[in-house]
N, C-alpha and C. Protein backbone atom coordinates (compact mmCIF):
# COMPACT_ATOMS: atom_id res chain seq x y z
N UNK A 1 52.57 8.50 -23.60
CA UNK A 1 53.52 8.05 -22.60
C UNK A 1 53.20 8.71 -21.27
N UNK A 2 53.49 7.97 -20.22
CA UNK A 2 53.28 8.50 -18.88
C UNK A 2 54.60 9.06 -18.34
N UNK A 3 54.53 9.72 -17.22
CA UNK A 3 55.75 10.26 -16.62
C UNK A 3 56.67 9.11 -16.21
N UNK A 4 57.98 9.39 -16.23
CA UNK A 4 58.95 8.34 -15.91
C UNK A 4 58.75 7.78 -14.50
N UNK A 5 58.38 8.63 -13.54
CA UNK A 5 58.18 8.13 -12.17
C UNK A 5 57.01 7.16 -12.12
N UNK A 6 55.96 7.43 -12.89
CA UNK A 6 54.82 6.51 -12.94
C UNK A 6 55.22 5.19 -13.58
N UNK A 7 56.00 5.28 -14.68
CA UNK A 7 56.47 4.07 -15.33
C UNK A 7 57.33 3.25 -14.37
N UNK A 8 58.28 3.92 -13.71
CA UNK A 8 59.18 3.20 -12.79
C UNK A 8 58.41 2.49 -11.69
N UNK A 9 57.39 3.14 -11.15
CA UNK A 9 56.58 2.50 -10.10
C UNK A 9 55.85 1.28 -10.66
N UNK A 10 55.25 1.43 -11.84
CA UNK A 10 54.53 0.31 -12.46
C UNK A 10 55.49 -0.84 -12.75
N UNK A 11 56.67 -0.53 -13.29
CA UNK A 11 57.65 -1.56 -13.61
C UNK A 11 58.17 -2.23 -12.34
N UNK A 12 58.50 -1.43 -11.32
CA UNK A 12 58.99 -1.99 -10.06
C UNK A 12 57.94 -2.91 -9.44
N UNK A 13 56.68 -2.49 -9.44
CA UNK A 13 55.60 -3.31 -8.88
C UNK A 13 55.45 -4.62 -9.65
N UNK A 14 55.49 -4.54 -10.99
CA UNK A 14 55.33 -5.74 -11.82
C UNK A 14 56.49 -6.70 -11.62
N UNK A 15 57.70 -6.18 -11.56
CA UNK A 15 58.87 -7.05 -11.38
C UNK A 15 58.90 -7.63 -9.97
N UNK A 16 58.48 -6.87 -8.98
CA UNK A 16 58.42 -7.39 -7.61
C UNK A 16 57.40 -8.53 -7.51
N UNK A 17 56.22 -8.35 -8.12
CA UNK A 17 55.20 -9.41 -8.11
C UNK A 17 55.72 -10.65 -8.82
N UNK A 18 56.40 -10.47 -9.95
CA UNK A 18 56.97 -11.60 -10.68
C UNK A 18 58.03 -12.29 -9.83
N UNK A 19 58.88 -11.51 -9.17
CA UNK A 19 59.93 -12.07 -8.33
C UNK A 19 59.34 -12.94 -7.23
N UNK A 20 58.26 -12.50 -6.62
CA UNK A 20 57.61 -13.29 -5.58
C UNK A 20 57.04 -14.60 -6.14
N UNK A 21 56.43 -14.53 -7.34
CA UNK A 21 55.92 -15.75 -8.00
C UNK A 21 57.06 -16.72 -8.28
N UNK A 22 58.18 -16.18 -8.78
CA UNK A 22 59.31 -17.03 -9.12
C UNK A 22 59.96 -17.63 -7.87
N UNK A 23 60.07 -16.85 -6.80
CA UNK A 23 60.61 -17.39 -5.55
C UNK A 23 59.75 -18.57 -5.07
N UNK A 24 58.43 -18.43 -5.19
CA UNK A 24 57.53 -19.51 -4.76
C UNK A 24 57.71 -20.76 -5.63
N UNK A 25 58.04 -20.58 -6.90
CA UNK A 25 58.19 -21.71 -7.82
C UNK A 25 59.61 -22.24 -7.87
N UNK A 26 60.54 -21.53 -7.25
CA UNK A 26 61.95 -21.88 -7.33
C UNK A 26 62.22 -23.31 -6.82
N UNK A 27 61.57 -23.71 -5.75
CA UNK A 27 61.81 -25.04 -5.18
C UNK A 27 61.34 -26.15 -6.11
N UNK A 28 60.25 -25.90 -6.84
CA UNK A 28 59.71 -26.91 -7.75
C UNK A 28 60.43 -26.90 -9.10
N UNK A 29 61.00 -25.77 -9.45
CA UNK A 29 61.65 -25.62 -10.75
C UNK A 29 63.12 -25.94 -10.68
N UNK A 30 63.72 -25.92 -11.81
CA UNK A 30 65.16 -26.18 -11.93
C UNK A 30 65.89 -24.87 -12.20
N UNK A 31 65.55 -23.84 -11.42
CA UNK A 31 66.14 -22.52 -11.65
C UNK A 31 66.31 -21.78 -10.33
N UNK A 32 67.13 -20.74 -10.39
CA UNK A 32 67.32 -19.83 -9.26
C UNK A 32 66.99 -18.42 -9.72
N UNK A 33 66.50 -17.61 -8.80
CA UNK A 33 66.16 -16.23 -9.10
C UNK A 33 67.17 -15.32 -8.41
N UNK A 34 67.71 -14.37 -9.16
CA UNK A 34 68.65 -13.40 -8.61
C UNK A 34 68.19 -12.00 -9.02
N UNK A 35 68.52 -11.02 -8.18
CA UNK A 35 68.18 -9.64 -8.49
C UNK A 35 69.44 -8.79 -8.36
N UNK A 36 69.70 -7.99 -9.40
CA UNK A 36 70.86 -7.10 -9.38
C UNK A 36 70.52 -5.82 -10.13
N UNK A 37 70.77 -4.69 -9.50
CA UNK A 37 70.64 -3.38 -10.13
C UNK A 37 69.31 -3.19 -10.87
N UNK A 38 68.22 -3.63 -10.26
CA UNK A 38 66.91 -3.45 -10.86
C UNK A 38 66.51 -4.49 -11.90
N UNK A 39 67.42 -5.40 -12.21
CA UNK A 39 67.12 -6.46 -13.17
C UNK A 39 66.89 -7.77 -12.42
N UNK A 40 66.07 -8.61 -13.00
CA UNK A 40 65.77 -9.92 -12.43
C UNK A 40 66.39 -10.97 -13.34
N UNK A 41 67.08 -11.93 -12.75
CA UNK A 41 67.73 -13.00 -13.51
C UNK A 41 67.12 -14.33 -13.10
N UNK A 42 66.81 -15.16 -14.08
CA UNK A 42 66.36 -16.53 -13.84
C UNK A 42 67.47 -17.40 -14.43
N UNK A 43 68.15 -18.14 -13.55
CA UNK A 43 69.34 -18.90 -13.95
C UNK A 43 69.03 -20.39 -13.88
N UNK A 44 69.33 -21.09 -14.96
CA UNK A 44 69.07 -22.53 -15.07
C UNK A 44 70.39 -23.29 -15.06
N UNK A 45 70.39 -24.45 -14.38
CA UNK A 45 71.56 -25.32 -14.42
C UNK A 45 71.46 -26.30 -15.58
N UNK A 46 70.32 -26.96 -15.72
CA UNK A 46 70.12 -27.96 -16.77
C UNK A 46 68.79 -27.75 -17.46
N UNK A 47 68.76 -27.52 -18.73
CA UNK A 47 69.90 -27.11 -19.53
C UNK A 47 70.33 -25.70 -19.11
N UNK A 48 71.61 -25.44 -19.24
CA UNK A 48 72.16 -24.16 -18.81
C UNK A 48 71.51 -23.01 -19.57
N UNK A 49 71.26 -21.92 -18.86
CA UNK A 49 70.69 -20.75 -19.50
C UNK A 49 70.39 -19.67 -18.49
N UNK A 50 70.10 -18.49 -19.01
CA UNK A 50 69.77 -17.36 -18.15
C UNK A 50 68.76 -16.47 -18.85
N UNK A 51 67.71 -16.07 -18.13
CA UNK A 51 66.77 -15.07 -18.62
C UNK A 51 67.08 -13.78 -17.88
N UNK A 52 66.98 -12.67 -18.56
CA UNK A 52 67.18 -11.36 -17.95
C UNK A 52 65.91 -10.54 -18.17
N UNK A 53 65.36 -10.02 -17.08
CA UNK A 53 64.12 -9.25 -17.13
C UNK A 53 64.44 -7.86 -16.58
N UNK A 54 64.28 -6.83 -17.41
CA UNK A 54 64.66 -5.49 -16.99
C UNK A 54 63.69 -4.43 -17.50
N UNK A 55 63.46 -3.41 -16.68
CA UNK A 55 62.66 -2.29 -17.16
C UNK A 55 63.50 -1.42 -18.09
N UNK A 56 62.87 -0.86 -19.11
CA UNK A 56 63.55 0.06 -20.02
C UNK A 56 62.74 1.36 -20.02
N UNK A 57 63.13 2.29 -19.16
CA UNK A 57 62.37 3.52 -18.96
C UNK A 57 62.24 4.39 -20.22
N UNK A 58 63.30 4.57 -21.02
CA UNK A 58 63.15 5.46 -22.18
C UNK A 58 62.01 5.06 -23.13
N UNK A 59 61.77 3.77 -23.29
CA UNK A 59 60.70 3.32 -24.19
C UNK A 59 59.49 2.80 -23.42
N UNK A 60 59.56 2.86 -22.09
CA UNK A 60 58.47 2.45 -21.20
C UNK A 60 58.00 1.02 -21.48
N UNK A 61 58.96 0.12 -21.46
CA UNK A 61 58.69 -1.30 -21.66
C UNK A 61 59.47 -2.11 -20.63
N UNK A 62 59.05 -3.35 -20.44
CA UNK A 62 59.86 -4.33 -19.74
C UNK A 62 60.39 -5.27 -20.80
N UNK A 63 61.71 -5.47 -20.79
CA UNK A 63 62.35 -6.33 -21.77
C UNK A 63 62.76 -7.63 -21.11
N UNK A 64 62.53 -8.72 -21.83
CA UNK A 64 62.96 -10.04 -21.38
C UNK A 64 63.89 -10.60 -22.46
N UNK A 65 65.07 -10.97 -22.04
CA UNK A 65 65.99 -11.66 -22.93
C UNK A 65 65.96 -13.13 -22.51
N UNK A 66 65.44 -13.98 -23.37
CA UNK A 66 65.27 -15.39 -23.04
C UNK A 66 65.24 -16.22 -24.31
N UNK A 67 65.88 -17.39 -24.25
CA UNK A 67 65.83 -18.34 -25.35
C UNK A 67 66.26 -17.70 -26.67
N UNK A 68 67.33 -16.91 -26.64
CA UNK A 68 67.90 -16.25 -27.82
C UNK A 68 66.94 -15.27 -28.48
N UNK A 69 66.00 -14.75 -27.71
CA UNK A 69 65.00 -13.83 -28.24
C UNK A 69 64.81 -12.68 -27.25
N UNK A 70 64.42 -11.54 -27.77
CA UNK A 70 64.08 -10.40 -26.93
C UNK A 70 62.57 -10.20 -26.98
N UNK A 71 61.95 -10.14 -25.82
CA UNK A 71 60.52 -9.92 -25.70
C UNK A 71 60.32 -8.53 -25.09
N UNK A 72 59.53 -7.68 -25.74
CA UNK A 72 59.34 -6.31 -25.29
C UNK A 72 57.86 -6.10 -24.93
N UNK A 73 57.62 -5.95 -23.63
CA UNK A 73 56.26 -5.81 -23.14
C UNK A 73 55.91 -4.34 -22.94
N UNK A 74 54.75 -3.95 -23.45
CA UNK A 74 54.27 -2.58 -23.33
C UNK A 74 53.41 -2.42 -22.08
N UNK A 75 53.47 -1.24 -21.49
CA UNK A 75 52.61 -0.93 -20.35
C UNK A 75 51.23 -0.55 -20.86
N UNK A 76 50.22 -1.27 -20.42
CA UNK A 76 48.82 -1.01 -20.78
C UNK A 76 48.03 -0.87 -19.49
N UNK A 77 46.76 -0.48 -19.56
CA UNK A 77 45.96 -0.44 -18.34
C UNK A 77 45.83 -1.81 -17.65
N UNK A 78 46.06 -2.89 -18.40
CA UNK A 78 45.99 -4.25 -17.83
C UNK A 78 47.34 -4.71 -17.31
N UNK A 79 48.37 -3.89 -17.40
CA UNK A 79 49.70 -4.27 -16.96
C UNK A 79 50.63 -4.36 -18.15
N UNK A 80 51.77 -5.01 -17.95
CA UNK A 80 52.75 -5.16 -19.03
C UNK A 80 52.35 -6.34 -19.91
N UNK A 81 52.17 -6.07 -21.21
CA UNK A 81 51.63 -7.05 -22.16
C UNK A 81 52.56 -7.16 -23.36
N UNK A 82 52.79 -8.41 -23.82
CA UNK A 82 53.52 -8.64 -25.06
C UNK A 82 52.54 -8.48 -26.21
N UNK A 83 52.67 -7.43 -27.02
CA UNK A 83 51.67 -7.16 -28.06
C UNK A 83 51.43 -8.32 -29.02
N UNK A 84 52.49 -9.05 -29.36
CA UNK A 84 52.38 -10.12 -30.36
C UNK A 84 51.42 -11.23 -29.92
N UNK A 85 51.43 -11.56 -28.62
CA UNK A 85 50.61 -12.69 -28.15
C UNK A 85 49.51 -12.28 -27.17
N UNK A 86 49.60 -11.08 -26.61
CA UNK A 86 48.63 -10.65 -25.61
C UNK A 86 48.93 -11.18 -24.22
N UNK A 87 50.08 -11.86 -24.05
CA UNK A 87 50.43 -12.42 -22.74
C UNK A 87 50.93 -11.32 -21.81
N UNK A 88 50.58 -11.46 -20.54
CA UNK A 88 51.11 -10.54 -19.54
C UNK A 88 52.43 -11.11 -18.99
N UNK A 89 53.12 -10.31 -18.19
CA UNK A 89 54.46 -10.63 -17.74
C UNK A 89 54.56 -12.00 -17.07
N UNK A 90 53.75 -12.26 -16.05
CA UNK A 90 53.84 -13.53 -15.31
C UNK A 90 53.61 -14.76 -16.18
N UNK A 91 52.48 -14.82 -16.89
CA UNK A 91 52.24 -15.98 -17.77
C UNK A 91 53.29 -16.16 -18.86
N UNK A 92 53.81 -15.06 -19.40
CA UNK A 92 54.85 -15.17 -20.42
C UNK A 92 56.12 -15.79 -19.84
N UNK A 93 56.56 -15.32 -18.69
CA UNK A 93 57.77 -15.87 -18.08
C UNK A 93 57.55 -17.33 -17.71
N UNK A 94 56.39 -17.68 -17.21
CA UNK A 94 56.08 -19.07 -16.87
C UNK A 94 56.19 -19.95 -18.13
N UNK A 95 55.62 -19.48 -19.24
CA UNK A 95 55.68 -20.25 -20.49
C UNK A 95 57.13 -20.41 -20.95
N UNK A 96 57.90 -19.34 -20.89
CA UNK A 96 59.30 -19.41 -21.32
C UNK A 96 60.11 -20.38 -20.45
N UNK A 97 59.84 -20.39 -19.16
CA UNK A 97 60.52 -21.32 -18.26
C UNK A 97 60.16 -22.75 -18.63
N UNK A 98 58.89 -23.02 -18.87
CA UNK A 98 58.46 -24.37 -19.25
C UNK A 98 59.08 -24.79 -20.57
N UNK A 99 59.15 -23.88 -21.54
CA UNK A 99 59.77 -24.20 -22.82
C UNK A 99 61.26 -24.48 -22.66
N UNK A 100 61.92 -23.71 -21.80
CA UNK A 100 63.35 -23.92 -21.58
C UNK A 100 63.60 -25.29 -20.93
N UNK A 101 62.76 -25.64 -19.98
CA UNK A 101 62.93 -26.90 -19.26
C UNK A 101 62.61 -28.11 -20.15
N UNK A 102 61.82 -27.87 -21.21
CA UNK A 102 61.50 -28.95 -22.13
C UNK A 102 60.37 -29.75 -21.63
């Protein structure tokens, strides 16, 4: 494990980059992006739903709550990765958004 300050910087940078990607896609998508207390929310009108993306410092992961599932991404030298699929944060969120939209 790395120091908490290093983790927080890595998580903040990853979530900020994701937020910028989502803001750029917001006009084309059927969702809105909101940020509150360090968490990122992707809110859908049709079909209704909400994704929550938050850093979890004690376990040094970024957690995504989406589609009735929790996704826990580990910090690796390549960034935050979902061990089960090998997907990084941006591509994983993009896939989840597409699946939600149908």
